[in-house]
């Protein structure tokens, strides 16, 4: 199953009133691999991130 964002659908709530639950940062876990770190959502382990640059997680949450 794929679930890609489109110009009509962006990262937000359906009604625009803001988040009603955890932001997701509360459930982020990580593990080290050769040459990097993998971050994933502990509640949805298949939701992982690949990036070409890094940033502090605190700056994004």
PDB file of N, CA and C in Angstrom:
ATOM      1  N   UNK A   1       0.844  -1.178   0.000  1.00  0.00           N
ATOM      2  CA  UNK A   1       0.000   0.000   0.000  1.00  0.00           C
ATOM      3  C   UNK A   1       0.886   1.236   0.000  1.00  0.00           C
ATOM      4  N   UNK A   2       0.595   2.180  -0.853  1.00  0.00           N
ATOM      5  CA  UNK A   2       1.311   3.449  -0.846  1.00  0.00           C
ATOM      6  C   UNK A   2       0.349   4.550  -0.454  1.00  0.00           C
ATOM      7  N   UNK A   3       0.893   5.598   0.123  1.00  0.00           N
ATOM      8  CA  UNK A   3       0.080   6.719   0.578  1.00  0.00           C
ATOM      9  C   UNK A   3       0.893   7.989   0.381  1.00  0.00           C
ATOM     10  N   UNK A   4       0.974   8.449  -0.856  1.00  0.00           N
ATOM     11  CA  UNK A   4       1.802   9.601  -1.186  1.00  0.00           C
ATOM     12  C   UNK A   4       1.018  10.906  -1.034  1.00  0.00           C
ATOM     13  N   UNK A   5       1.696  11.931  -0.563  1.00  0.00           N
ATOM     14  CA  UNK A   5       1.083  13.258  -0.462  1.00  0.00           C
ATOM     15  C   UNK A   5       0.935  13.852  -1.856  1.00  0.00           C
ATOM     16  N   UNK A   6      -0.078  14.631  -2.051  1.00  0.00           N
ATOM     17  CA  UNK A   6      -0.309  15.332  -3.307  1.00  0.00           C
ATOM     18  C   UNK A   6      -0.439  16.815  -2.995  1.00  0.00           C
ATOM     19  N   UNK A   7      -0.421  17.676  -4.022  1.00  0.00           N
ATOM     20  CA  UNK A   7      -0.579  19.113  -3.746  1.00  0.00           C
ATOM     21  C   UNK A   7      -1.872  19.441  -3.006  1.00  0.00           C
ATOM     22  N   UNK A   8      -2.905  18.628  -3.209  1.00  0.00           N
ATOM     23  CA  UNK A   8      -4.168  18.872  -2.520  1.00  0.00           C
ATOM     24  C   UNK A   8      -4.153  18.332  -1.092  1.00  0.00           C
ATOM     25  N   UNK A   9      -3.208  17.458  -0.807  1.00  0.00           N
ATOM     26  CA  UNK A   9      -3.162  16.806   0.505  1.00  0.00           C
ATOM     27  C   UNK A   9      -1.793  17.038   1.106  1.00  0.00           C
ATOM     28  N   UNK A  10      -1.722  17.767   2.189  1.00  0.00           N
ATOM     29  CA  UNK A  10      -0.448  18.102   2.811  1.00  0.00           C
ATOM     30  C   UNK A  10      -0.435  17.621   4.246  1.00  0.00           C
ATOM     31  N   UNK A  11       0.668  17.805   4.910  1.00  0.00           N
ATOM     32  CA  UNK A  11       0.845  17.310   6.275  1.00  0.00           C
ATOM     33  C   UNK A  11       0.039  18.165   7.243  1.00  0.00           C
ATOM     34  N   UNK A  12      -1.159  17.751   7.549  1.00  0.00           N
ATOM     35  CA  UNK A  12      -2.005  18.495   8.468  1.00  0.00           C
ATOM     36  C   UNK A  12      -3.238  17.686   8.798  1.00  0.00           C
ATOM     37  N   UNK A  13      -4.130  18.270   9.555  1.00  0.00           N
ATOM     38  CA  UNK A  13      -5.360  17.579   9.907  1.00  0.00           C
ATOM     39  C   UNK A  13      -6.399  17.822   8.836  1.00  0.00           C
ATOM     40  N   UNK A  14      -7.389  16.975   8.803  1.00  0.00           N
ATOM     41  CA  UNK A  14      -8.429  17.091   7.789  1.00  0.00           C
ATOM     42  C   UNK A  14      -9.242  18.360   7.992  1.00  0.00           C
ATOM     43  N   UNK A  15      -9.590  18.681   9.232  1.00  0.00           N
ATOM     44  CA  UNK A  15     -10.421  19.853   9.493  1.00  0.00           C
ATOM     45  C   UNK A  15      -9.619  21.126   9.733  1.00  0.00           C
ATOM     46  N   UNK A  16      -8.297  21.025   9.814  1.00  0.00           N
ATOM     47  CA  UNK A  16      -7.461  22.199   9.992  1.00  0.00           C
ATOM     48  C   UNK A  16      -7.405  22.739  11.404  1.00  0.00           C
ATOM     49  N   UNK A  17      -8.002  22.029  12.372  1.00  0.00           N
ATOM     50  CA  UNK A  17      -8.027  22.512  13.750  1.00  0.00           C
ATOM     51  C   UNK A  17      -6.794  22.136  14.552  1.00  0.00           C
ATOM     52  N   UNK A  18      -5.837  21.493  13.956  1.00  0.00           N
ATOM     53  CA  UNK A  18      -4.619  21.119  14.663  1.00  0.00           C
ATOM     54  C   UNK A  18      -4.649  19.684  15.126  1.00  0.00           C
ATOM     55  N   UNK A  19      -3.525  19.237  15.673  1.00  0.00           N
ATOM     56  CA  UNK A  19      -3.431  17.839  16.088  1.00  0.00           C
ATOM     57  C   UNK A  19      -4.318  17.530  17.287  1.00  0.00           C
ATOM     58  N   UNK A  20      -4.836  16.323  17.312  1.00  0.00           N
ATOM     59  CA  UNK A  20      -5.677  15.910  18.425  1.00  0.00           C
ATOM     60  C   UNK A  20      -4.996  14.862  19.292  1.00  0.00           C
ATOM     61  N   UNK A  21      -3.834  14.413  18.887  1.00  0.00           N
ATOM     62  CA  UNK A  21      -3.117  13.388  19.635  1.00  0.00           C
ATOM     63  C   UNK A  21      -1.640  13.693  19.644  1.00  0.00           C
ATOM     64  N   UNK A  22      -0.819  12.681  19.918  1.00  0.00           N
ATOM     65  CA  UNK A  22       0.627  12.902  19.938  1.00  0.00           C
ATOM     66  C   UNK A  22       1.136  13.325  18.567  1.00  0.00           C
ATOM     67  N   UNK A  23       2.198  14.107  18.556  1.00  0.00           N
ATOM     68  CA  UNK A  23       2.756  14.596  17.294  1.00  0.00           C
ATOM     69  C   UNK A  23       3.513  13.523  16.547  1.00  0.00           C
ATOM     70  N   UNK A  24       3.821  12.435  17.194  1.00  0.00           N
ATOM     71  CA  UNK A  24       4.609  11.381  16.576  1.00  0.00           C
ATOM     72  C   UNK A  24       6.015  11.343  17.112  1.00  0.00           C
ATOM     73  N   UNK A  25       6.525  12.487  17.556  1.00  0.00           N
ATOM     74  CA  UNK A  25       7.886  12.539  18.092  1.00  0.00           C
ATOM     75  C   UNK A  25       7.992  11.760  19.397  1.00  0.00           C
ATOM     76  N   UNK A  26       6.872  11.593  20.093  1.00  0.00           N
ATOM     77  CA  UNK A  26       6.892  10.871  21.359  1.00  0.00           C
ATOM     78  C   UNK A  26       7.207   9.394  21.176  1.00  0.00           C
ATOM     79  N   UNK A  27       6.912   8.853  20.005  1.00  0.00           N
ATOM     80  CA  UNK A  27       7.091   7.419  19.779  1.00  0.00           C
ATOM     81  C   UNK A  27       8.265   7.104  18.857  1.00  0.00           C
ATOM     82  N   UNK A  28       9.122   8.075  18.571  1.00  0.00           N
ATOM     83  CA  UNK A  28      10.270   7.853  17.690  1.00  0.00           C
ATOM     84  C   UNK A  28      11.355   7.095  18.437  1.00  0.00           C
ATOM     85  N   UNK A  29      11.839   6.027  17.820  1.00  0.00           N
ATOM     86  CA  UNK A  29      12.967   5.275  18.347  1.00  0.00           C
ATOM     87  C   UNK A  29      14.020   5.194  17.252  1.00  0.00           C
ATOM     88  N   UNK A  30      15.208   4.722  17.596  1.00  0.00           N
ATOM     89  CA  UNK A  30      16.282   4.673  16.603  1.00  0.00           C
ATOM     90  C   UNK A  30      17.210   3.506  16.872  1.00  0.00           C
ATOM     91  N   UNK A  31      17.976   3.160  15.846  1.00  0.00           N
ATOM     92  CA  UNK A  31      19.064   2.197  16.003  1.00  0.00           C
ATOM     93  C   UNK A  31      20.178   2.574  15.032  1.00  0.00           C
ATOM     94  N   UNK A  32      21.408   2.223  15.401  1.00  0.00           N
ATOM     95  CA  UNK A  32      22.581   2.551  14.595  1.00  0.00           C
ATOM     96  C   UNK A  32      22.805   1.496  13.523  1.00  0.00           C
ATOM     97  N   UNK A  33      23.218   1.969  12.347  1.00  0.00           N
ATOM     98  CA  UNK A  33      23.658   1.099  11.271  1.00  0.00           C
ATOM     99  C   UNK A  33      25.006   1.616  10.799  1.00  0.00           C
ATOM    100  N   UNK A  34      25.686   0.872   9.943  1.00  0.00           N
ATOM    101  CA  UNK A  34      26.958   1.346   9.408  1.00  0.00           C
ATOM    102  C   UNK A  34      26.744   2.665   8.671  1.00  0.00           C
ATOM    103  N   UNK A  35      27.369   3.712   9.147  1.00  0.00           N
ATOM    104  CA  UNK A  35      27.301   5.004   8.479  1.00  0.00           C
ATOM    105  C   UNK A  35      26.052   5.808   8.735  1.00  0.00           C
ATOM    106  N   UNK A  36      25.250   5.464   9.734  1.00  0.00           N
ATOM    107  CA  UNK A  36      24.062   6.265   9.974  1.00  0.00           C
ATOM    108  C   UNK A  36      23.211   5.767  11.118  1.00  0.00           C
ATOM    109  N   UNK A  37      22.063   6.390  11.238  1.00  0.00           N
ATOM    110  CA  UNK A  37      21.081   6.056  12.265  1.00  0.00           C
ATOM    111  C   UNK A  37      19.729   5.949  11.578  1.00  0.00           C
ATOM    112  N   UNK A  38      18.956   4.945  11.935  1.00  0.00           N
ATOM    113  CA  UNK A  38      17.603   4.781  11.409  1.00  0.00           C
ATOM    114  C   UNK A  38      16.623   5.213  12.489  1.00  0.00           C
ATOM    115  N   UNK A  39      15.740   6.146  12.146  1.00  0.00           N
ATOM    116  CA  UNK A  39      14.667   6.575  13.036  1.00  0.00           C
ATOM    117  C   UNK A  39      13.375   5.922  12.556  1.00  0.00           C
ATOM    118  N   UNK A  40      12.554   5.484  13.488  1.00  0.00           N
ATOM    119  CA  UNK A  40      11.283   4.882  13.111  1.00  0.00           C
ATOM    120  C   UNK A  40      10.247   5.134  14.196  1.00  0.00           C
ATOM    121  N   UNK A  41       8.996   5.019  13.819  1.00  0.00           N
ATOM    122  CA  UNK A  41       7.878   5.196  14.737  1.00  0.00           C
ATOM    123  C   UNK A  41       7.627   3.862  15.432  1.00  0.00           C
ATOM    124  N   UNK A  42       7.790   3.812  16.745  1.00  0.00           N
ATOM    125  CA  UNK A  42       7.626   2.565  17.490  1.00  0.00           C
ATOM    126  C   UNK A  42       6.200   2.024  17.383  1.00  0.00           C
ATOM    127  N   UNK A  43       5.228   2.896  17.154  1.00  0.00           N
ATOM    128  CA  UNK A  43       3.846   2.444  17.000  1.00  0.00           C
ATOM    129  C   UNK A  43       3.566   1.959  15.587  1.00  0.00           C
ATOM    130  N   UNK A  44       4.432   2.321  14.635  1.00  0.00           N
ATOM    131  CA  UNK A  44       4.299   1.888  13.245  1.00  0.00           C
ATOM    132  C   UNK A  44       5.701   1.643  12.704  1.00  0.00           C
ATOM    133  N   UNK A  45       6.318   0.502  13.016  1.00  0.00           N
ATOM    134  CA  UNK A  45       7.719   0.259  12.670  1.00  0.00           C
ATOM    135  C   UNK A  45       8.022   0.315  11.179  1.00  0.00           C
ATOM    136  N   UNK A  46       7.018   0.220  10.324  1.00  0.00           N
ATOM    137  CA  UNK A  46       7.265   0.316   8.888  1.00  0.00           C
ATOM    138  C   UNK A  46       7.367   1.766   8.422  1.00  0.00           C
ATOM    139  N   UNK A  47       7.105   2.719   9.310  1.00  0.00           N
ATOM    140  CA  UNK A  47       7.199   4.142   8.976  1.00  0.00           C
ATOM    141  C   UNK A  47       8.599   4.629   9.310  1.00  0.00           C
ATOM    142  N   UNK A  48       9.514   4.532   8.354  1.00  0.00           N
ATOM    143  CA  UNK A  48      10.898   4.941   8.571  1.00  0.00           C
ATOM    144  C   UNK A  48      11.232   6.102   7.650  1.00  0.00           C
ATOM    145  N   UNK A  49      12.361   6.742   7.905  1.00  0.00           N
ATOM    146  CA  UNK A  49      12.742   7.948   7.176  1.00  0.00           C
ATOM    147  C   UNK A  49      14.121   7.771   6.564  1.00  0.00           C
ATOM    148  N   UNK A  50      14.274   8.199   5.307  1.00  0.00           N
ATOM    149  CA  UNK A  50      15.579   8.267   4.663  1.00  0.00           C
ATOM    150  C   UNK A  50      15.794   9.716   4.253  1.00  0.00           C
ATOM    151  N   UNK A  51      16.958  10.261   4.577  1.00  0.00           N
ATOM    152  CA  UNK A  51      17.247  11.661   4.260  1.00  0.00           C
ATOM    153  C   UNK A  51      18.682  11.808   3.784  1.00  0.00           C
ATOM    154  N   UNK A  52      18.914  12.822   2.965  1.00  0.00           N
ATOM    155  CA  UNK A  52      20.270  13.083   2.476  1.00  0.00           C
ATOM    156  C   UNK A  52      21.027  14.031   3.394  1.00  0.00           C
ATOM    157  N   UNK A  53      20.332  14.651   4.334  1.00  0.00           N
ATOM    158  CA  UNK A  53      20.986  15.520   5.312  1.00  0.00           C
ATOM    159  C   UNK A  53      20.321  15.292   6.665  1.00  0.00           C
ATOM    160  N   UNK A  54      20.998  15.700   7.714  1.00  0.00           N
ATOM    161  CA  UNK A  54      20.447  15.479   9.051  1.00  0.00           C
ATOM    162  C   UNK A  54      20.138  16.798   9.734  1.00  0.00           C
ATOM    163  N   UNK A  55      19.253  16.735  10.722  1.00  0.00           N
ATOM    164  CA  UNK A  55      18.938  17.888  11.553  1.00  0.00           C
ATOM    165  C   UNK A  55      18.549  17.379  12.929  1.00  0.00           C
ATOM    166  N   UNK A  56      18.640  18.255  13.912  1.00  0.00           N
ATOM    167  CA  UNK A  56      18.298  17.861  15.278  1.00  0.00           C
ATOM    168  C   UNK A  56      16.807  17.572  15.367  1.00  0.00           C
ATOM    169  N   UNK A  57      16.457  16.453  15.958  1.00  0.00           N
ATOM    170  CA  UNK A  57      15.062  16.078  16.104  1.00  0.00           C
ATOM    171  C   UNK A  57      14.309  17.090  16.957  1.00  0.00           C
ATOM    172  N   UNK A  58      14.964  17.641  17.997  1.00  0.00           N
ATOM    173  CA  UNK A  58      14.326  18.658  18.840  1.00  0.00           C
ATOM    174  C   UNK A  58      13.942  19.898  18.039  1.00  0.00           C
ATOM    175  N   UNK A  59      14.704  20.229  16.995  1.00  0.00           N
ATOM    176  CA  UNK A  59      14.406  21.401  16.179  1.00  0.00           C
ATOM    177  C   UNK A  59      13.196  21.174  15.278  1.00  0.00           C
ATOM    178  N   UNK A  60      12.851  19.928  15.045  1.00  0.00           N
ATOM    179  CA  UNK A  60      11.757  19.598  14.134  1.00  0.00           C
ATOM    180  C   UNK A  60      10.458  19.278  14.852  1.00  0.00           C
ATOM    181  N   UNK A  61      10.525  18.964  16.119  1.00  0.00           N
ATOM    182  CA  UNK A  61       9.318  18.536  16.842  1.00  0.00           C
ATOM    183  C   UNK A  61       8.655  19.695  17.544  1.00  0.00           C
TER     184      UNK A  61
END
